[in-house]
Amino acid sequence: MGKILSSSRIYRISFVNQDKIFEVFAKQVYESDLYGFITVEELVFGTQSELVIDPAEERLKTEFASVNRTFIPMHSIIRIDEVEKPGISKVHSLDGSRVGNVSPFARPLSSGDKKKD
């Protein structure tokens, strides 16, 4: 098993999951016993004392509410940074646009859309 990074530190982990970039904060990050995975434990989210609540972070907090540890495939990891304090957990679209829950409907090609050889 790999070296465990100290739990007194905070790490920002950026990884790709289902065409989105997740950015979460945790106290422990280490190479997993499961081949090809990184283990992330003790996820850290914003404090309840903050006046402004970010809905995206709340969604992530709900998604990971009952998770003790998560295993992320090494090939999905973009980077791991040691930071001084936790920030706001986020989800970004891979293409840089805002992530939303609205997707365009597929539409049939019209005669004007067809390629001409």
PDB file of N, CA and C in Angstrom:
ATOM      1  N   MET A   1       0.851  -1.181   0.000  1.00  0.00           N
ATOM      2  CA  MET A   1       0.000   0.000   0.000  1.00  0.00           C
ATOM      3  C   MET A   1       0.887   1.232   0.000  1.00  0.00           C
ATOM      4  N   GLY A   2       0.442   2.290  -0.676  1.00  0.00           N
ATOM      5  CA  GLY A   2       1.212   3.520  -0.787  1.00  0.00           C
ATOM      6  C   GLY A   2       1.225   4.297   0.511  1.00  0.00           C
ATOM      7  N   LYS A   3       2.050   5.318   0.544  1.00  0.00           N
ATOM      8  CA  LYS A   3       2.183   6.177   1.708  1.00  0.00           C
ATOM      9  C   LYS A   3       0.879   6.947   1.935  1.00  0.00           C
ATOM     10  N   ILE A   4       0.425   6.973   3.179  1.00  0.00           N
ATOM     11  CA  ILE A   4      -0.779   7.735   3.526  1.00  0.00           C
ATOM     12  C   ILE A   4      -0.375   9.185   3.735  1.00  0.00           C
ATOM     13  N   LEU A   5      -1.058  10.089   3.048  1.00  0.00           N
ATOM     14  CA  LEU A   5      -0.794  11.506   3.221  1.00  0.00           C
ATOM     15  C   LEU A   5      -1.475  11.956   4.516  1.00  0.00           C
ATOM     16  N   SER A   6      -0.816  12.756   5.292  1.00  0.00           N
ATOM     17  CA  SER A   6      -1.245  13.144   6.635  1.00  0.00           C
ATOM     18  C   SER A   6      -2.676  13.667   6.704  1.00  0.00           C
ATOM     19  N   SER A   7      -3.398  13.234   7.752  1.00  0.00           N
ATOM     20  CA  SER A   7      -4.786  13.663   7.917  1.00  0.00           C
ATOM     21  C   SER A   7      -4.889  15.088   8.459  1.00  0.00           C
ATOM     22  N   SER A   8      -3.770  15.689   8.923  1.00  0.00           N
ATOM     23  CA  SER A   8      -3.822  17.070   9.400  1.00  0.00           C
ATOM     24  C   SER A   8      -3.785  18.051   8.233  1.00  0.00           C
ATOM     25  N   ARG A   9      -3.573  17.548   7.049  1.00  0.00           N
ATOM     26  CA  ARG A   9      -3.536  18.368   5.852  1.00  0.00           C
ATOM     27  C   ARG A   9      -4.853  18.232   5.088  1.00  0.00           C
ATOM     28  N   ILE A  10      -5.084  19.160   4.187  1.00  0.00           N
ATOM     29  CA  ILE A  10      -6.271  19.118   3.339  1.00  0.00           C
ATOM     30  C   ILE A  10      -5.804  19.008   1.894  1.00  0.00           C
ATOM     31  N   TYR A  11      -6.455  18.140   1.140  1.00  0.00           N
ATOM     32  CA  TYR A  11      -6.101  17.921  -0.265  1.00  0.00           C
ATOM     33  C   TYR A  11      -7.299  18.225  -1.151  1.00  0.00           C
ATOM     34  N   ARG A  12      -7.011  18.881  -2.280  1.00  0.00           N
ATOM     35  CA  ARG A  12      -8.024  19.117  -3.308  1.00  0.00           C
ATOM     36  C   ARG A  12      -7.771  18.083  -4.397  1.00  0.00           C
ATOM     37  N   ILE A  13      -8.785  17.265  -4.675  1.00  0.00           N
ATOM     38  CA  ILE A  13      -8.673  16.200  -5.661  1.00  0.00           C
ATOM     39  C   ILE A  13      -9.570  16.549  -6.841  1.00  0.00           C
ATOM     40  N   SER A  14      -8.995  16.634  -8.024  1.00  0.00           N
ATOM     41  CA  SER A  14      -9.751  16.884  -9.248  1.00  0.00           C
ATOM     42  C   SER A  14      -9.730  15.614 -10.074  1.00  0.00           C
ATOM     43  N   PHE A  15     -10.919  15.161 -10.483  1.00  0.00           N
ATOM     44  CA  PHE A  15     -10.996  13.929 -11.264  1.00  0.00           C
ATOM     45  C   PHE A  15     -12.180  13.987 -12.220  1.00  0.00           C
ATOM     46  N   VAL A  16     -12.101  13.162 -13.255  1.00  0.00           N
ATOM     47  CA  VAL A  16     -13.152  13.098 -14.269  1.00  0.00           C
ATOM     48  C   VAL A  16     -14.122  11.977 -13.912  1.00  0.00           C
ATOM     49  N   ASN A  17     -15.420  12.279 -13.994  1.00  0.00           N
ATOM     50  CA  ASN A  17     -16.458  11.288 -13.733  1.00  0.00           C
ATOM     51  C   ASN A  17     -17.657  11.614 -14.621  1.00  0.00           C
ATOM     52  N   GLN A  18     -17.997  10.722 -15.527  1.00  0.00           N
ATOM     53  CA  GLN A  18     -19.155  10.871 -16.415  1.00  0.00           C
ATOM     54  C   GLN A  18     -19.163  12.218 -17.147  1.00  0.00           C
ATOM     55  N   ASP A  19     -18.085  12.514 -17.852  1.00  0.00           N
ATOM     56  CA  ASP A  19     -17.939  13.736 -18.665  1.00  0.00           C
ATOM     57  C   ASP A  19     -18.011  15.023 -17.856  1.00  0.00           C
ATOM     58  N   LYS A  20     -17.694  14.944 -16.576  1.00  0.00           N
ATOM     59  CA  LYS A  20     -17.650  16.124 -15.719  1.00  0.00           C
ATOM     60  C   LYS A  20     -16.371  16.065 -14.895  1.00  0.00           C
ATOM     61  N   ILE A  21     -15.893  17.225 -14.490  1.00  0.00           N
ATOM     62  CA  ILE A  21     -14.731  17.299 -13.611  1.00  0.00           C
ATOM     63  C   ILE A  21     -15.238  17.591 -12.204  1.00  0.00           C
ATOM     64  N   PHE A  22     -14.953  16.683 -11.296  1.00  0.00           N
ATOM     65  CA  PHE A  22     -15.315  16.851  -9.891  1.00  0.00           C
ATOM     66  C   PHE A  22     -14.098  17.415  -9.162  1.00  0.00           C
ATOM     67  N   GLU A  23     -14.332  18.340  -8.262  1.00  0.00           N
ATOM     68  CA  GLU A  23     -13.276  18.896  -7.423  1.00  0.00           C
ATOM     69  C   GLU A  23     -13.759  18.786  -5.979  1.00  0.00           C
ATOM     70  N   VAL A  24     -13.117  17.908  -5.197  1.00  0.00           N
ATOM     71  CA  VAL A  24     -13.516  17.682  -3.814  1.00  0.00           C
ATOM     72  C   VAL A  24     -12.313  17.862  -2.901  1.00  0.00           C
ATOM     73  N   PHE A  25     -12.592  18.039  -1.616  1.00  0.00           N
ATOM     74  CA  PHE A  25     -11.552  18.228  -0.612  1.00  0.00           C
ATOM     75  C   PHE A  25     -11.620  17.078   0.388  1.00  0.00           C
ATOM     76  N   ALA A  26     -10.437  16.609   0.820  1.00  0.00           N
ATOM     77  CA  ALA A  26     -10.395  15.475   1.745  1.00  0.00           C
ATOM     78  C   ALA A  26      -9.176  15.589   2.650  1.00  0.00           C
ATOM     79  N   LYS A  27      -9.245  14.862   3.765  1.00  0.00           N
ATOM     80  CA  LYS A  27      -8.137  14.851   4.716  1.00  0.00           C
ATOM     81  C   LYS A  27      -7.148  13.722   4.441  1.00  0.00           C
ATOM     82  N   GLN A  28      -7.598  12.659   3.774  1.00  0.00           N
ATOM     83  CA  GLN A  28      -6.698  11.543   3.489  1.00  0.00           C
ATOM     84  C   GLN A  28      -6.819  11.096   2.046  1.00  0.00           C
ATOM     85  N   VAL A  29      -5.660  10.916   1.420  1.00  0.00           N
ATOM     86  CA  VAL A  29      -5.579  10.441   0.041  1.00  0.00           C
ATOM     87  C   VAL A  29      -4.401   9.481  -0.016  1.00  0.00           C
ATOM     88  N   TYR A  30      -4.640   8.276  -0.550  1.00  0.00           N
ATOM     89  CA  TYR A  30      -3.536   7.326  -0.670  1.00  0.00           C
ATOM     90  C   TYR A  30      -3.831   6.292  -1.736  1.00  0.00           C
ATOM     91  N   GLU A  31      -2.745   5.607  -2.158  1.00  0.00           N
ATOM     92  CA  GLU A  31      -2.880   4.545  -3.149  1.00  0.00           C
ATOM     93  C   GLU A  31      -3.642   3.387  -2.510  1.00  0.00           C
ATOM     94  N   SER A  32      -4.623   2.896  -3.204  1.00  0.00           N
ATOM     95  CA  SER A  32      -5.509   1.864  -2.675  1.00  0.00           C
ATOM     96  C   SER A  32      -4.903   0.467  -2.792  1.00  0.00           C
ATOM     97  N   ASP A  33      -5.426  -0.448  -1.991  1.00  0.00           N
ATOM     98  CA  ASP A  33      -5.089  -1.868  -2.148  1.00  0.00           C
ATOM     99  C   ASP A  33      -5.731  -2.420  -3.417  1.00  0.00           C
ATOM    100  N   LEU A  34      -6.782  -1.752  -3.890  1.00  0.00           N
ATOM    101  CA  LEU A  34      -7.410  -2.120  -5.154  1.00  0.00           C
ATOM    102  C   LEU A  34      -6.516  -1.588  -6.269  1.00  0.00           C
ATOM    103  N   TYR A  35      -5.985  -2.455  -7.075  1.00  0.00           N
ATOM    104  CA  TYR A  35      -5.026  -2.069  -8.107  1.00  0.00           C
ATOM    105  C   TYR A  35      -5.615  -1.004  -9.037  1.00  0.00           C
ATOM    106  N   GLY A  36      -4.876   0.096  -9.221  1.00  0.00           N
ATOM    107  CA  GLY A  36      -5.277   1.137 -10.148  1.00  0.00           C
ATOM    108  C   GLY A  36      -6.205   2.192  -9.575  1.00  0.00           C
ATOM    109  N   PHE A  37      -6.399   2.189  -8.266  1.00  0.00           N
ATOM    110  CA  PHE A  37      -7.315   3.150  -7.646  1.00  0.00           C
ATOM    111  C   PHE A  37      -6.597   3.985  -6.585  1.00  0.00           C
ATOM    112  N   ILE A  38      -7.102   5.196  -6.382  1.00  0.00           N
ATOM    113  CA  ILE A  38      -6.686   6.080  -5.294  1.00  0.00           C
ATOM    114  C   ILE A  38      -7.834   6.102  -4.288  1.00  0.00           C
ATOM    115  N   THR A  39      -7.503   5.972  -3.005  1.00  0.00           N
ATOM    116  CA  THR A  39      -8.520   6.029  -1.956  1.00  0.00           C
ATOM    117  C   THR A  39      -8.585   7.449  -1.413  1.00  0.00           C
ATOM    118  N   VAL A  40      -9.800   7.963  -1.285  1.00  0.00           N
ATOM    119  CA  VAL A  40     -10.033   9.295  -0.726  1.00  0.00           C
ATOM    120  C   VAL A  40     -10.957   9.118   0.470  1.00  0.00           C
ATOM    121  N   GLU A  41     -10.499   9.592   1.635  1.00  0.00           N
ATOM    122  CA  GLU A  41     -11.275   9.466   2.874  1.00  0.00           C
ATOM    123  C   GLU A  41     -11.465  10.831   3.525  1.00  0.00           C
ATOM    124  N   GLU A  42     -12.456  10.908   4.383  1.00  0.00           N
ATOM    125  CA  GLU A  42     -12.752  12.097   5.176  1.00  0.00           C
ATOM    126  C   GLU A  42     -12.948  13.316   4.285  1.00  0.00           C
ATOM    127  N   LEU A  43     -13.956  13.227   3.423  1.00  0.00           N
ATOM    128  CA  LEU A  43     -14.291  14.358   2.555  1.00  0.00           C
ATOM    129  C   LEU A  43     -14.679  15.562   3.401  1.00  0.00           C
ATOM    130  N   VAL A  44     -14.277  16.743   2.959  1.00  0.00           N
ATOM    131  CA  VAL A  44     -14.526  17.983   3.697  1.00  0.00           C
ATOM    132  C   VAL A  44     -15.372  18.901   2.818  1.00  0.00           C
ATOM    133  N   PHE A  45     -16.460  19.403   3.384  1.00  0.00           N
ATOM    134  CA  PHE A  45     -17.326  20.337   2.679  1.00  0.00           C
ATOM    135  C   PHE A  45     -17.384  21.633   3.468  1.00  0.00           C
ATOM    136  N   GLY A  46     -17.908  22.700   2.847  1.00  0.00           N
ATOM    137  CA  GLY A  46     -18.015  24.002   3.503  1.00  0.00           C
ATOM    138  C   GLY A  46     -18.715  23.909   4.840  1.00  0.00           C
ATOM    139  N   THR A  47     -18.441  24.873   5.689  1.00  0.00           N
ATOM    140  CA  THR A  47     -19.048  24.862   7.020  1.00  0.00           C
ATOM    141  C   THR A  47     -20.474  25.370   6.975  1.00  0.00           C
ATOM    142  N   GLN A  48     -21.279  24.924   7.914  1.00  0.00           N
ATOM    143  CA  GLN A  48     -22.676  25.348   7.998  1.00  0.00           C
ATOM    144  C   GLN A  48     -22.800  26.792   8.444  1.00  0.00           C
ATOM    145  N   SER A  49     -21.719  27.379   9.001  1.00  0.00           N
ATOM    146  CA  SER A  49     -21.793  28.752   9.492  1.00  0.00           C
ATOM    147  C   SER A  49     -21.750  29.785   8.370  1.00  0.00           C
ATOM    148  N   GLU A  50     -21.410  29.347   7.154  1.00  0.00           N
ATOM    149  CA  GLU A  50     -21.357  30.287   6.036  1.00  0.00           C
ATOM    150  C   GLU A  50     -22.766  30.745   5.677  1.00  0.00           C
ATOM    151  N   LEU A  51     -22.902  32.024   5.364  1.00  0.00           N
ATOM    152  CA  LEU A  51     -24.213  32.576   5.037  1.00  0.00           C
ATOM    153  C   LEU A  51     -24.693  32.162   3.656  1.00  0.00           C
ATOM    154  N   VAL A  52     -23.773  32.058   2.716  1.00  0.00           N
ATOM    155  CA  VAL A  52     -24.130  31.699   1.351  1.00  0.00           C
ATOM    156  C   VAL A  52     -23.890  30.204   1.152  1.00  0.00           C
ATOM    157  N   ILE A  53     -24.910  29.501   0.693  1.00  0.00           N
ATOM    158  CA  ILE A  53     -24.798  28.073   0.449  1.00  0.00           C
ATOM    159  C   ILE A  53     -24.789  27.845  -1.047  1.00  0.00           C
ATOM    160  N   ASP A  54     -23.762  27.161  -1.523  1.00  0.00           N
ATOM    161  CA  ASP A  54     -23.628  26.868  -2.950  1.00  0.00           C
ATOM    162  C   ASP A  54     -24.428  25.610  -3.263  1.00  0.00           C
ATOM    163  N   PRO A  55     -25.438  25.680  -4.151  1.00  0.00           N
ATOM    164  CA  PRO A  55     -26.260  24.511  -4.456  1.00  0.00           C
ATOM    165  C   PRO A  55     -25.451  23.354  -5.058  1.00  0.00           C
ATOM    166  N   ALA A  56     -24.416  23.670  -5.841  1.00  0.00           N
ATOM    167  CA  ALA A  56     -23.583  22.610  -6.434  1.00  0.00           C
ATOM    168  C   ALA A  56     -22.844  21.838  -5.343  1.00  0.00           C
ATOM    169  N   GLU A  57     -22.320  22.566  -4.357  1.00  0.00           N
ATOM    170  CA  GLU A  57     -21.626  21.893  -3.262  1.00  0.00           C
ATOM    171  C   GLU A  57     -22.608  21.086  -2.420  1.00  0.00           C
ATOM    172  N   GLU A  58     -23.796  21.613  -2.209  1.00  0.00           N
ATOM    173  CA  GLU A  58     -24.809  20.878  -1.452  1.00  0.00           C
ATOM    174  C   GLU A  58     -25.183  19.569  -2.159  1.00  0.00           C
ATOM    175  N   ARG A  59     -25.237  19.614  -3.493  1.00  0.00           N
ATOM    176  CA  ARG A  59     -25.532  18.415  -4.282  1.00  0.00           C
ATOM    177  C   ARG A  59     -24.429  17.369  -4.101  1.00  0.00           C
ATOM    178  N   LEU A  60     -23.166  17.824  -4.116  1.00  0.00           N
ATOM    179  CA  LEU A  60     -22.045  16.901  -3.885  1.00  0.00           C
ATOM    180  C   LEU A  60     -22.065  16.372  -2.457  1.00  0.00           C
ATOM    181  N   LYS A  61     -22.370  17.233  -1.522  1.00  0.00           N
ATOM    182  CA  LYS A  61     -22.436  16.832  -0.118  1.00  0.00           C
ATOM    183  C   LYS A  61     -23.497  15.748   0.073  1.00  0.00           C
ATOM    184  N   THR A  62     -24.632  15.907  -0.576  1.00  0.00           N
ATOM    185  CA  THR A  62     -25.697  14.907  -0.512  1.00  0.00           C
ATOM    186  C   THR A  62     -25.263  13.605  -1.181  1.00  0.00           C
ATOM    187  N   GLU A  63     -24.604  13.725  -2.333  1.00  0.00           N
ATOM    188  CA  GLU A  63     -24.149  12.528  -3.055  1.00  0.00           C
ATOM    189  C   GLU A  63     -23.161  11.711  -2.238  1.00  0.00           C
ATOM    190  N   PHE A  64     -22.280  12.377  -1.491  1.00  0.00           N
ATOM    191  CA  PHE A  64     -21.251  11.687  -0.710  1.00  0.00           C
ATOM    192  C   PHE A  64     -21.609  11.580   0.772  1.00  0.00           C
ATOM    193  N   ALA A  65     -22.862  11.843   1.143  1.00  0.00           N
ATOM    194  CA  ALA A  65     -23.273  11.891   2.553  1.00  0.00           C
ATOM    195  C   ALA A  65     -22.975  10.597   3.316  1.00  0.00           C
ATOM    196  N   SER A  66     -23.243   9.460   2.733  1.00  0.00           N
ATOM    197  CA  SER A  66     -23.050   8.199   3.456  1.00  0.00           C
ATOM    198  C   SER A  66     -21.778   7.468   3.025  1.00  0.00           C
ATOM    199  N   VAL A  67     -20.864   8.176   2.378  1.00  0.00           N
ATOM    200  CA  VAL A  67     -19.632   7.553   1.879  1.00  0.00           C
ATOM    201  C   VAL A  67     -18.520   7.710   2.911  1.00  0.00           C
ATOM    202  N   ASN A  68     -17.967   6.570   3.365  1.00  0.00           N
ATOM    203  CA  ASN A  68     -16.833   6.607   4.285  1.00  0.00           C
ATOM    204  C   ASN A  68     -15.530   6.840   3.537  1.00  0.00           C
ATOM    205  N   ARG A  69     -15.405   6.187   2.391  1.00  0.00           N
ATOM    206  CA  ARG A  69     -14.241   6.361   1.532  1.00  0.00           C
ATOM    207  C   ARG A  69     -14.662   6.090   0.110  1.00  0.00           C
ATOM    208  N   THR A  70     -14.010   6.739  -0.811  1.00  0.00           N
ATOM    209  CA  THR A  70     -14.311   6.522  -2.217  1.00  0.00           C
ATOM    210  C   THR A  70     -13.034   6.109  -2.939  1.00  0.00           C
ATOM    211  N   PHE A  71     -13.199   5.266  -3.930  1.00  0.00           N
ATOM    212  CA  PHE A  71     -12.071   4.765  -4.714  1.00  0.00           C
ATOM    213  C   PHE A  71     -12.185   5.365  -6.111  1.00  0.00           C
ATOM    214  N   ILE A  72     -11.176   6.119  -6.508  1.00  0.00           N
ATOM    215  CA  ILE A  72     -11.189   6.796  -7.800  1.00  0.00           C
ATOM    216  C   ILE A  72     -10.127   6.163  -8.683  1.00  0.00           C
ATOM    217  N   PRO A  73     -10.490   5.757  -9.907  1.00  0.00           N
ATOM    218  CA  PRO A  73      -9.490   5.165 -10.800  1.00  0.00           C
ATOM    219  C   PRO A  73      -8.349   6.156 -11.063  1.00  0.00           C
ATOM    220  N   MET A  74      -7.116   5.655 -11.025  1.00  0.00           N
ATOM    221  CA  MET A  74      -5.953   6.524 -11.232  1.00  0.00           C
ATOM    222  C   MET A  74      -6.024   7.286 -12.543  1.00  0.00           C
ATOM    223  N   HIS A  75      -6.538   6.640 -13.587  1.00  0.00           N
ATOM    224  CA  HIS A  75      -6.580   7.312 -14.889  1.00  0.00           C
ATOM    225  C   HIS A  75      -7.613   8.438 -14.937  1.00  0.00           C
ATOM    226  N   SER A  76      -8.480   8.533 -13.919  1.00  0.00           N
ATOM    227  CA  SER A  76      -9.467   9.613 -13.862  1.00  0.00           C
ATOM    228  C   SER A  76      -8.947  10.835 -13.106  1.00  0.00           C
ATOM    229  N   ILE A  77      -7.878  10.654 -12.346  1.00  0.00           N
ATOM    230  CA  ILE A  77      -7.328  11.748 -11.541  1.00  0.00           C
ATOM    231  C   ILE A  77      -6.660  12.769 -12.457  1.00  0.00           C
ATOM    232  N   ILE A  78      -7.022  14.027 -12.286  1.00  0.00           N
ATOM    233  CA  ILE A  78      -6.366  15.112 -13.022  1.00  0.00           C
ATOM    234  C   ILE A  78      -5.199  15.635 -12.198  1.00  0.00           C
ATOM    235  N   ARG A  79      -5.470  15.918 -10.919  1.00  0.00           N
ATOM    236  CA  ARG A  79      -4.404  16.386 -10.033  1.00  0.00           C
ATOM    237  C   ARG A  79      -4.852  16.292  -8.582  1.00  0.00           C
ATOM    238  N   ILE A  80      -3.862  16.281  -7.694  1.00  0.00           N
ATOM    239  CA  ILE A  80      -4.098  16.315  -6.257  1.00  0.00           C
ATOM    240  C   ILE A  80      -3.211  17.416  -5.709  1.00  0.00           C
ATOM    241  N   ASP A  81      -3.812  18.387  -5.043  1.00  0.00           N
ATOM    242  CA  ASP A  81      -3.076  19.520  -4.480  1.00  0.00           C
ATOM    243  C   ASP A  81      -3.237  19.535  -2.973  1.00  0.00           C
ATOM    244  N   GLU A  82      -2.158  19.811  -2.256  1.00  0.00           N
ATOM    245  CA  GLU A  82      -2.267  20.056  -0.824  1.00  0.00           C
ATOM    246  C   GLU A  82      -2.595  21.533  -0.677  1.00  0.00           C
ATOM    247  N   VAL A  83      -3.655  21.849   0.061  1.00  0.00           N
ATOM    248  CA  VAL A  83      -4.095  23.235   0.225  1.00  0.00           C
ATOM    249  C   VAL A  83      -4.114  23.598   1.703  1.00  0.00           C
ATOM    250  N   GLU A  84      -4.111  24.900   1.984  1.00  0.00           N
ATOM    251  CA  GLU A  84      -4.107  25.355   3.365  1.00  0.00           C
ATOM    252  C   GLU A  84      -5.439  25.162   4.064  1.00  0.00           C
ATOM    253  N   LYS A  85      -6.536  25.346   3.306  1.00  0.00           N
ATOM    254  CA  LYS A  85      -7.860  25.160   3.887  1.00  0.00           C
ATOM    255  C   LYS A  85      -8.804  24.700   2.787  1.00  0.00           C
ATOM    256  N   PRO A  86      -9.882  24.026   3.158  1.00  0.00           N
ATOM    257  CA  PRO A  86     -10.819  23.543   2.137  1.00  0.00           C
ATOM    258  C   PRO A  86     -11.541  24.695   1.453  1.00  0.00           C
ATOM    259  N   GLY A  87     -11.843  24.505   0.182  1.00  0.00           N
ATOM    260  CA  GLY A  87     -12.620  25.475  -0.571  1.00  0.00           C
ATOM    261  C   GLY A  87     -13.994  24.912  -0.840  1.00  0.00           C
ATOM    262  N   ILE A  88     -14.616  25.391  -1.891  1.00  0.00           N
ATOM    263  CA  ILE A  88     -15.947  24.923  -2.253  1.00  0.00           C
ATOM    264  C   ILE A  88     -15.814  23.786  -3.252  1.00  0.00           C
ATOM    265  N   SER A  89     -16.419  22.659  -2.944  1.00  0.00           N
ATOM    266  CA  SER A  89     -16.418  21.526  -3.865  1.00  0.00           C
ATOM    267  C   SER A  89     -17.253  21.888  -5.074  1.00  0.00           C
ATOM    268  N   LYS A  90     -16.792  21.453  -6.262  1.00  0.00           N
ATOM    269  CA  LYS A  90     -17.440  21.872  -7.505  1.00  0.00           C
ATOM    270  C   LYS A  90     -17.548  20.728  -8.492  1.00  0.00           C
ATOM    271  N   VAL A  91     -18.420  20.923  -9.472  1.00  0.00           N
ATOM    272  CA  VAL A  91     -18.511  20.041 -10.633  1.00  0.00           C
ATOM    273  C   VAL A  91     -18.469  20.945 -11.852  1.00  0.00           C
ATOM    274  N   HIS A  92     -17.541  20.664 -12.766  1.00  0.00           N
ATOM    275  CA  HIS A  92     -17.404  21.436 -14.006  1.00  0.00           C
ATOM    276  C   HIS A  92     -17.667  20.514 -15.182  1.00  0.00           C
ATOM    277  N   SER A  93     -18.106  21.084 -16.275  1.00  0.00           N
ATOM    278  CA  SER A  93     -18.227  20.338 -17.518  1.00  0.00           C
ATOM    279  C   SER A  93     -16.837  20.208 -18.123  1.00  0.00           C
ATOM    280  N   LEU A  94     -16.564  19.116 -18.807  1.00  0.00           N
ATOM    281  CA  LEU A  94     -15.265  18.928 -19.439  1.00  0.00           C
ATOM    282  C   LEU A  94     -14.963  20.007 -20.472  1.00  0.00           C
ATOM    283  N   ASP A  95     -15.987  20.514 -21.154  1.00  0.00           N
ATOM    284  CA  ASP A  95     -15.753  21.525 -22.184  1.00  0.00           C
ATOM    285  C   ASP A  95     -15.707  22.933 -21.606  1.00  0.00           C
ATOM    286  N   GLY A  96     -15.800  23.073 -20.283  1.00  0.00           N
ATOM    287  CA  GLY A  96     -15.702  24.376 -19.647  1.00  0.00           C
ATOM    288  C   GLY A  96     -17.018  25.114 -19.500  1.00  0.00           C
ATOM    289  N   SER A  97     -18.078  24.594 -20.092  1.00  0.00           N
ATOM    290  CA  SER A  97     -19.375  25.264 -19.950  1.00  0.00           C
ATOM    291  C   SER A  97     -19.978  24.912 -18.597  1.00  0.00           C
ATOM    292  N   ARG A  98     -20.978  25.655 -18.230  1.00  0.00           N
ATOM    293  CA  ARG A  98     -21.644  25.435 -16.947  1.00  0.00           C
ATOM    294  C   ARG A  98     -22.361  24.085 -16.959  1.00  0.00           C
ATOM    295  N   VAL A  99     -22.228  23.354 -15.857  1.00  0.00           N
ATOM    296  CA  VAL A  99     -22.878  22.052 -15.751  1.00  0.00           C
ATOM    297  C   VAL A  99     -24.326  22.277 -15.353  1.00  0.00           C
ATOM    298  N   GLY A 100     -25.222  21.644 -16.061  1.00  0.00           N
ATOM    299  CA  GLY A 100     -26.632  21.752 -15.735  1.00  0.00           C
ATOM    300  C   GLY A 100     -27.299  20.406 -15.909  1.00  0.00           C
ATOM    301  N   ASN A 101     -28.576  20.361 -15.642  1.00  0.00           N
ATOM    302  CA  ASN A 101     -29.288  19.101 -15.780  1.00  0.00           C
ATOM    303  C   ASN A 101     -30.194  19.110 -17.006  1.00  0.00           C
ATOM    304  N   VAL A 102     -29.956  20.048 -17.924  1.00  0.00           N
ATOM    305  CA  VAL A 102     -30.756  20.139 -19.137  1.00  0.00           C
ATOM    306  C   VAL A 102     -29.905  19.690 -20.311  1.00  0.00           C
ATOM    307  N   SER A 103     -30.421  18.754 -21.082  1.00  0.00           N
ATOM    308  CA  SER A 103     -29.728  18.261 -22.269  1.00  0.00           C
ATOM    309  C   SER A 103     -30.605  18.497 -23.478  1.00  0.00           C
ATOM    310  N   PRO A 104     -30.000  18.857 -24.608  1.00  0.00           N
ATOM    311  CA  PRO A 104     -30.822  19.056 -25.805  1.00  0.00           C
ATOM    312  C   PRO A 104     -31.341  17.723 -26.323  1.00  0.00           C
ATOM    313  N   PHE A 105     -32.547  17.758 -26.900  1.00  0.00           N
ATOM    314  CA  PHE A 105     -33.095  16.558 -27.515  1.00  0.00           C
ATOM    315  C   PHE A 105     -32.368  16.290 -28.822  1.00  0.00           C
ATOM    316  N   ALA A 106     -32.196  15.029 -29.138  1.00  0.00           N
ATOM    317  CA  ALA A 106     -31.642  14.677 -30.436  1.00  0.00           C
ATOM    318  C   ALA A 106     -32.678  15.031 -31.484  1.00  0.00           C
ATOM    319  N   ARG A 107     -32.234  15.529 -32.603  1.00  0.00           N
ATOM    320  CA  ARG A 107     -33.191  15.882 -33.647  1.00  0.00           C
ATOM    321  C   ARG A 107     -32.775  15.217 -34.946  1.00  0.00           C
ATOM    322  N   PRO A 108     -33.732  14.841 -35.745  1.00  0.00           N
ATOM    323  CA  PRO A 108     -33.389  14.212 -37.025  1.00  0.00           C
ATOM    324  C   PRO A 108     -32.756  15.238 -37.959  1.00  0.00           C
ATOM    325  N   LEU A 109     -31.910  14.764 -38.842  1.00  0.00           N
ATOM    326  CA  LEU A 109     -31.290  15.650 -39.824  1.00  0.00           C
ATOM    327  C   LEU A 109     -32.331  16.092 -40.839  1.00  0.00           C
ATOM    328  N   SER A 110     -32.334  17.355 -41.120  1.00  0.00           N
ATOM    329  CA  SER A 110     -33.221  17.848 -42.161  1.00  0.00           C
ATOM    330  C   SER A 110     -32.445  17.829 -43.484  1.00  0.00           C
ATOM    331  N   SER A 111     -33.106  18.073 -44.576  1.00  0.00           N
ATOM    332  CA  SER A 111     -32.433  18.022 -45.881  1.00  0.00           C
ATOM    333  C   SER A 111     -31.333  19.059 -45.976  1.00  0.00           C
ATOM    334  N   GLY A 112     -31.435  20.161 -45.252  1.00  0.00           N
ATOM    335  CA  GLY A 112     -30.410  21.209 -45.288  1.00  0.00           C
ATOM    336  C   GLY A 112     -29.175  20.843 -44.482  1.00  0.00           C
ATOM    337  N   ASP A 113     -29.306  19.862 -43.552  1.00  0.00           N
ATOM    338  CA  ASP A 113     -28.188  19.477 -42.691  1.00  0.00           C
ATOM    339  C   ASP A 113     -27.323  18.399 -43.294  1.00  0.00           C
ATOM    340  N   LYS A 114     -27.773  17.746 -44.338  1.00  0.00           N
ATOM    341  CA  LYS A 114     -27.034  16.622 -44.911  1.00  0.00           C
ATOM    342  C   LYS A 114     -25.799  17.110 -45.642  1.00  0.00           C
ATOM    343  N   LYS A 115     -24.723  16.344 -45.490  1.00  0.00           N
ATOM    344  CA  LYS A 115     -23.472  16.676 -46.185  1.00  0.00           C
ATOM    345  C   LYS A 115     -23.609  16.380 -47.670  1.00  0.00           C
ATOM    346  N   LYS A 116     -22.984  17.218 -48.449  1.00  0.00           N
ATOM    347  CA  LYS A 116     -22.951  16.973 -49.884  1.00  0.00           C
ATOM    348  C   LYS A 116     -21.550  16.556 -50.261  1.00  0.00           C
ATOM    349  N   ASP A 117     -21.436  15.487 -51.006  1.00  0.00           N
ATOM    350  CA  ASP A 117     -20.111  14.990 -51.402  1.00  0.00           C
ATOM    351  C   ASP A 117     -19.612  15.646 -52.653  1.00  0.00           C
TER     352      ASP A 117
END
